[in-house]
Protein backbone atom coordinates (compact mmCIF):
# COMPACT_ATOMS: atom_id res chain seq x y z
CA MET A 1 -0.17 0.09 0.09
CA PHE A 2 2.85 2.17 0.93
CA TYR A 3 5.73 1.70 -1.85
CA SER A 4 6.93 5.12 -2.68
CA ASP A 5 8.15 8.51 -1.23
CA GLU A 6 5.17 10.15 -1.69
CA SER A 7 2.88 7.48 -0.11
CA VAL A 8 4.99 6.94 3.08
CA ASN A 9 5.14 10.88 3.49
CA ASP A 10 1.97 10.93 3.29
CA LEU A 11 0.97 8.28 5.45
CA LEU A 12 3.60 10.14 8.48
CA GLN A 13 1.93 13.94 7.71
CA TYR A 14 -1.39 12.10 7.87
CA SER A 15 -0.37 10.32 11.58
CA LYS A 16 1.34 13.48 12.52
CA SER A 17 -1.78 15.53 11.96
CA MET A 18 -3.68 13.05 14.05
CA VAL A 19 -1.33 12.66 17.22
CA ASP A 20 -1.23 16.51 16.88
CA ASP A 21 -4.90 16.89 17.19
CA ILE A 22 -4.92 14.34 20.04
CA ALA A 23 -2.17 16.20 21.97
CA SER A 24 -3.86 19.84 21.62
CA LYS A 25 -6.94 18.35 23.28
CA LYS A 26 -5.31 16.37 26.26
CA THR A 27 -5.09 17.28 29.53
CA LYS A 28 -2.32 14.36 30.10
CA GLN A 29 0.99 14.50 29.57
CA ASN A 30 2.06 13.98 25.91
CA ASP A 31 5.96 13.15 25.60
CA PHE A 32 7.15 11.22 22.86
CA LEU A 33 5.44 12.77 19.92
CA VAL A 34 7.96 11.78 17.06
CA GLU A 35 7.74 8.07 18.42
CA GLN A 36 3.87 8.41 18.21
CA TYR A 37 4.09 9.78 14.89
CA LEU A 38 5.74 6.82 13.82
CA ILE A 39 3.68 4.30 15.89
CA PHE A 40 0.45 5.72 14.63
CA ALA A 41 1.63 5.11 11.00
CA GLY A 42 2.97 1.89 11.80
CA MET A 43 -0.24 0.86 12.99
CA LEU A 44 -2.27 2.36 10.01
CA ALA A 45 0.16 0.32 7.74
CA TYR A 46 -0.37 -2.97 9.78
CA TYR A 47 -4.27 -2.52 10.67
CA GLY A 48 -5.28 -0.82 7.88
CA PHE A 49 -7.18 2.57 7.90
CA GLU A 50 -10.62 0.41 8.46
CA HIS A 51 -9.15 0.18 11.90
CA ILE A 52 -8.56 4.11 12.55
CA ASP A 53 -11.28 4.47 14.94
CA GLU A 54 -9.64 1.78 17.34
CA ILE A 55 -5.96 3.50 16.81
CA TYR A 56 -7.00 6.73 17.49
CA LYS A 57 -9.10 5.76 20.70
CA ALA A 58 -6.51 4.36 21.99
CA PHE A 59 -3.94 7.14 21.32
CA GLN A 60 -6.57 9.50 22.74
CA ASN A 61 -7.02 7.97 26.14
CA THR A 62 -3.44 7.18 26.86
CA GLY A 63 -1.21 9.31 28.14
CA PHE A 64 2.72 9.16 27.26
CA VAL A 65 5.00 9.87 30.13
CA ASP A 66 8.81 10.63 29.94
CA ASN A 67 9.86 9.11 33.58
CA LEU A 68 13.71 8.41 32.21
CA GLY A 69 15.55 8.19 35.40
CA ASP A 70 12.81 8.92 37.83
CA VAL A 71 12.88 4.93 39.65
CA SER A 72 11.26 6.19 42.96
CA TYR A 73 7.83 6.82 41.19
CA PHE A 74 7.58 2.88 40.30
CA ILE A 75 9.04 1.72 43.38
CA ASN A 76 6.35 0.65 45.38
CA ASP A 77 4.87 -0.97 41.90
CA LEU A 78 7.79 -2.92 40.24
CA ASP A 79 10.15 -5.66 40.94
CA GLU A 80 13.57 -4.16 42.21
CA ASN A 81 15.26 -6.20 39.63
CA CYS A 82 12.59 -5.41 36.81
CA LYS A 83 14.91 -4.53 33.78
CA CYS A 84 11.97 -3.11 31.23
CA PRO A 85 12.12 0.21 31.60
CA THR A 86 8.13 0.37 29.62
CA PHE A 87 5.12 0.28 32.21
CA CYS A 88 1.49 0.70 31.32
CA GLN A 89 -0.45 1.99 34.43
CA VAL A 90 -4.01 1.20 34.38
CA ASN A 91 -6.87 2.74 36.71
CA ILE A 92 -10.44 1.68 36.76
CA LYS A 93 -13.22 4.23 38.21
CA SER A 94 -17.12 3.78 38.42
CA ARG A 95 -19.09 6.46 38.73
CA GLY A 96 -22.71 4.95 39.11
CA ARG A 97 -23.38 2.27 36.85
CA GLN A 98 -20.35 3.35 34.38
CA TYR A 99 -16.57 2.69 34.65
CA PHE A 100 -13.78 5.04 33.25
CA ILE A 101 -10.41 3.40 32.26
CA ASP A 102 -7.27 5.81 32.88
CA ARG A 103 -4.40 4.57 30.81
CA ASN A 104 -1.00 5.86 31.26
CA ILE A 105 2.49 4.75 29.66
CA HIS A 106 5.36 5.39 31.59
CA TYR A 107 9.19 5.11 29.94
CA PHE A 108 11.95 4.86 32.86
CA SER A 109 15.44 3.91 33.06
CA ARG A 110 18.03 2.74 35.46
CA GLN A 111 21.24 4.61 35.53
CA ASN A 112 23.63 4.01 32.87
CA SER A 113 21.10 1.98 30.92
CA ASP A 114 22.67 1.12 27.43
CA ASP A 115 19.05 0.76 25.88
CA SER A 116 18.70 0.84 22.17
CA TYR A 117 16.61 2.96 20.24
CA SER A 118 15.10 0.48 18.69
CA LYS A 119 14.19 -1.29 21.69
CA PHE A 120 12.91 1.66 23.28
CA MET A 121 10.92 1.89 20.20
CA GLU A 122 9.61 -1.88 20.22
CA ARG A 123 8.59 -1.27 24.27
CA LEU A 124 6.62 1.36 23.24
CA VAL A 125 5.07 0.03 20.39
CA HIS A 126 4.41 -3.24 22.60
CA GLU A 127 2.32 -1.30 25.35
CA VAL A 128 0.90 1.40 22.91
CA ASN A 129 -0.40 -2.14 20.97
CA HIS A 130 -1.99 -3.55 24.15
CA CYS A 131 -3.87 -0.11 24.33
CA VAL A 132 -4.79 -0.44 20.63
CA ASN A 133 -6.51 -3.81 21.38
CA SER A 134 -8.24 -2.75 24.53
CA SER A 135 -9.76 0.52 23.36
CA ILE A 136 -13.36 -1.42 21.85
CA ASN A 137 -15.44 -3.18 24.50
CA PRO A 138 -12.71 -2.80 27.26
CA ILE A 139 -15.42 -3.71 29.94
CA CYS A 140 -17.36 -7.23 29.55
CA LYS A 141 -19.66 -9.13 31.31
CA ARG A 142 -19.40 -12.89 32.22
CA ASP A 143 -22.62 -14.51 34.57
CA THR A 144 -22.54 -11.58 37.14
CA LYS A 145 -18.96 -10.07 37.04
CA LEU A 146 -17.60 -7.40 35.45
CA LEU A 147 -13.90 -8.09 33.44
CA TYR A 148 -11.98 -5.94 32.28
CA ARG A 149 -10.24 -6.86 29.04
CA ILE A 150 -6.80 -6.12 28.00
CA GLY A 151 -6.57 -8.18 24.45
CA LEU A 152 -6.92 -11.58 24.88
CA SER A 153 -6.95 -11.31 28.58
CA LEU A 154 -9.96 -10.87 30.89
CA ALA A 155 -9.46 -9.75 34.74
CA SER A 156 -11.99 -8.96 37.41
CA ILE A 157 -12.59 -5.63 38.46
CA SER A 158 -13.24 -7.04 41.86
CA ASN A 159 -10.68 -9.33 42.75
CA ASP A 160 -7.29 -10.72 41.13
CA ASP A 161 -8.96 -13.17 39.08
CA VAL A 162 -7.10 -12.83 35.54
CA GLU A 163 -6.85 -15.27 32.45
CA SER A 164 -5.10 -15.64 28.93
CA LEU A 165 -2.42 -13.14 30.73
CA ALA A 166 0.64 -14.80 29.40
CA LEU A 167 -1.30 -15.77 25.82
CA GLU A 168 -2.04 -11.81 25.44
CA GLU A 169 1.51 -11.09 26.56
CA GLY A 170 2.79 -13.54 23.77
CA ILE A 171 0.51 -12.78 20.87
CA ASN A 172 1.29 -9.03 21.56
CA THR A 173 5.00 -9.56 21.69
CA LEU A 174 4.90 -11.66 18.20
CA GLN A 175 2.17 -8.82 16.56
CA THR A 176 4.47 -6.26 18.16
CA ALA A 177 7.39 -7.26 15.58
CA GLU A 178 5.10 -7.22 12.78
CA ILE A 179 4.30 -3.53 13.62
CA MET A 180 7.78 -2.75 14.20
CA LYS A 181 8.47 -4.22 11.00
CA CYS A 182 6.33 -1.50 9.02
CA ILE A 183 7.77 1.05 10.88
CA VAL A 184 11.37 0.33 10.19
CA ARG A 185 10.56 -0.08 6.48
CA PHE A 186 9.48 3.76 6.23
CA SER A 187 13.24 4.26 6.58
CA GLN A 188 13.65 3.05 3.31
CA TYR A 189 12.21 5.99 1.83
CA ASN A 190 13.33 9.71 1.75
CA ILE A 191 11.24 11.63 4.32
CA ASP A 192 10.46 15.34 4.32
CA ASP A 193 9.94 15.55 7.86
CA PRO A 194 13.10 16.50 9.47
CA ALA A 195 12.37 15.53 13.08
CA ILE A 196 10.67 12.08 11.65
CA SER A 197 13.81 11.15 9.42
CA GLU A 198 16.15 11.70 12.47
CA ALA A 199 14.30 8.78 14.31
CA LEU A 200 13.70 6.60 11.22
CA GLU A 201 17.86 7.28 10.57
CA LYS A 202 18.28 5.44 14.21
CA LEU A 203 16.17 2.52 12.99
CA LYS A 204 17.27 2.14 9.43
CA HIS A 205 19.76 -1.24 9.76
CA VAL A 206 17.80 -2.62 12.44
CA LYS A 207 16.63 -6.00 12.24
CA VAL A 208 13.51 -6.54 14.20
CA ARG A 209 13.55 -10.04 15.92
CA ASP A 210 10.76 -12.25 14.45
CA LEU A 211 9.83 -13.79 17.77
CA GLY A 212 9.81 -9.96 19.29
CA LEU A 213 11.27 -8.75 22.59
CA GLY A 214 10.55 -9.42 26.51
CA TYR A 215 8.53 -12.67 26.18
CA GLU A 216 11.11 -14.82 24.13
CA ILE A 217 10.23 -17.99 26.71
CA ILE A 218 6.84 -18.71 25.13
CA THR A 219 6.68 -16.98 21.57
CA PRO A 220 8.95 -19.51 19.87
CA MET A 221 6.17 -21.97 21.01
CA LEU A 222 2.83 -19.80 20.21
CA SER A 223 4.72 -18.75 16.56
CA PRO A 224 3.30 -21.66 15.00
CA LEU A 225 -0.30 -20.99 15.97
CA TYR A 226 0.29 -17.46 15.37
CA GLN A 227 1.33 -18.23 11.83
CA ASN A 228 -1.98 -20.41 10.79
CA LYS A 229 -3.93 -18.27 8.76
CA ASN A 230 -7.16 -18.94 10.27
CA PHE A 231 -5.99 -18.52 13.43
CA TYR A 232 -3.92 -15.51 12.64
CA HIS A 233 -6.78 -13.45 11.14
CA LEU A 234 -9.40 -14.24 13.97
CA VAL A 235 -6.91 -13.23 16.59
CA ARG A 236 -5.97 -9.85 14.70
CA GLU A 237 -9.43 -9.16 14.43
CA GLY A 238 -10.74 -10.67 17.57
CA ARG A 239 -8.27 -8.61 19.66
CA ILE A 240 -9.23 -5.30 17.64
CA THR A 241 -12.50 -5.55 17.51
CA GLY A 242 -12.90 -6.78 20.79
CA SER A 243 -14.86 -10.14 19.38
CA ILE A 244 -12.49 -12.66 21.67
CA LYS A 245 -15.54 -15.22 22.33
CA GLU A 246 -14.95 -15.87 18.36
CA VAL A 247 -11.50 -16.82 18.90
CA ARG A 248 -12.09 -19.07 21.77
CA GLU A 249 -15.54 -20.56 20.02
CA ASP A 250 -13.28 -21.74 17.05
CA PHE A 251 -10.32 -23.22 18.53
CA ASP A 252 -12.87 -24.88 20.65
CA SER A 253 -14.42 -26.21 17.54
CA HIS A 254 -11.21 -27.63 16.35
CA VAL A 255 -9.77 -29.08 19.31
CA GLY A 256 -12.84 -29.74 21.84
CA GLU A 257 -15.29 -28.03 24.37
CA GLY A 258 -13.29 -26.34 26.67
CA ALA A 259 -9.85 -26.56 25.17
CA TYR A 260 -9.06 -22.85 24.51
CA PHE A 261 -9.01 -22.24 28.11
CA GLU A 262 -7.01 -25.40 29.39
CA PHE A 263 -4.68 -23.76 26.41
CA SER A 264 -4.54 -20.43 27.70
CA LYS A 265 -4.02 -21.63 31.40
CA ALA A 266 -1.03 -23.95 30.17
CA VAL A 267 0.76 -20.91 28.78
CA ASP A 268 0.12 -19.02 31.85
CA TYR A 269 1.72 -22.05 33.89
CA SER A 270 4.59 -22.27 31.53
CA LEU A 271 5.94 -18.42 32.58
CA ILE A 272 5.13 -19.60 36.54
CA ARG A 273 8.07 -20.35 38.52
CA ASN A 274 6.88 -23.05 41.04
CA HIS A 275 5.01 -24.55 38.32
CA ASN A 276 5.73 -27.99 36.35
CA LYS A 277 6.76 -26.00 33.21
CA SER A 278 7.55 -29.13 31.08
CA GLU A 279 3.99 -29.90 31.77
CA ALA A 280 2.25 -27.21 30.51
CA ILE A 281 4.68 -26.53 27.37
CA GLU A 282 4.11 -30.07 26.37
CA LYS A 283 0.50 -29.38 26.97
CA VAL A 284 0.78 -26.19 25.07
CA LEU A 285 2.28 -27.69 21.80
CA ARG A 286 -0.34 -30.78 22.00
CA LEU A 287 -3.23 -28.48 21.96
CA GLU A 288 -2.30 -26.03 19.39
CA ALA A 289 -0.38 -28.86 16.98
CA GLN A 290 -4.15 -30.40 17.34
CA TYR A 291 -5.57 -27.31 16.21
CA ILE A 292 -3.27 -26.46 13.14
CA ARG A 293 -3.93 -30.30 12.24
CA ASN A 294 -7.86 -29.72 12.15
CA ASN A 295 -7.98 -26.51 10.40
């Protein structure tokens, strides 16, 4: 779709105008503007203009906060040994029967960090992609329970119950790699805007990892399922539109009733320190293979 200097510059300028328009109306802190131009454009290139509403809404409702060096801000929220300098803070507030979701993406780094620009971008894309895939139907109901949706993951608003968290992180990581490739591809063209051109110059020779950054423990085993044409289409559309029930029903129809929950639970267990990881991984691979075989 974007194969010339003119078309890429048009896309980048359109994205810049959208982000600047959002920024002019925000009361939230709004750092990383140039990076937002690139991410907005990369997501349009990846998802297509048919999903402009979801992308726009996510940028509109998310704050971007530069906490570089300000470790104290997160000292009570993050493990002291946490090495990932990107964090999405979510607050859910109720007013009567209505719920309001406040999201802020913070970037911070410990002193003497050797974090490269490409890693910084990849982590921002990862967090923004969670927000884009949660902008529609973020609150849903199961029986009498109200649930908060982040992509494929569902969490209870009233307690700590959460499901499909690791599956969401793995799929989001694989998808982030694809969006990053769209962004890096822009660097092959002659860019008119000096600030955008300077940022893209830093990405010009970057080789994006197919398995992404941050969840390499689970992305290799999820990759075959993710690359399955049927699953890929369903999960891509289901996450961004909020129709994740269709993903679950499709998986169950090919593997068996309740298979999706067993699968996502096994993916979660594969990351839990005090669990039998080999058993969990074996179950993930078995259910995944069964789905692919029956498609």
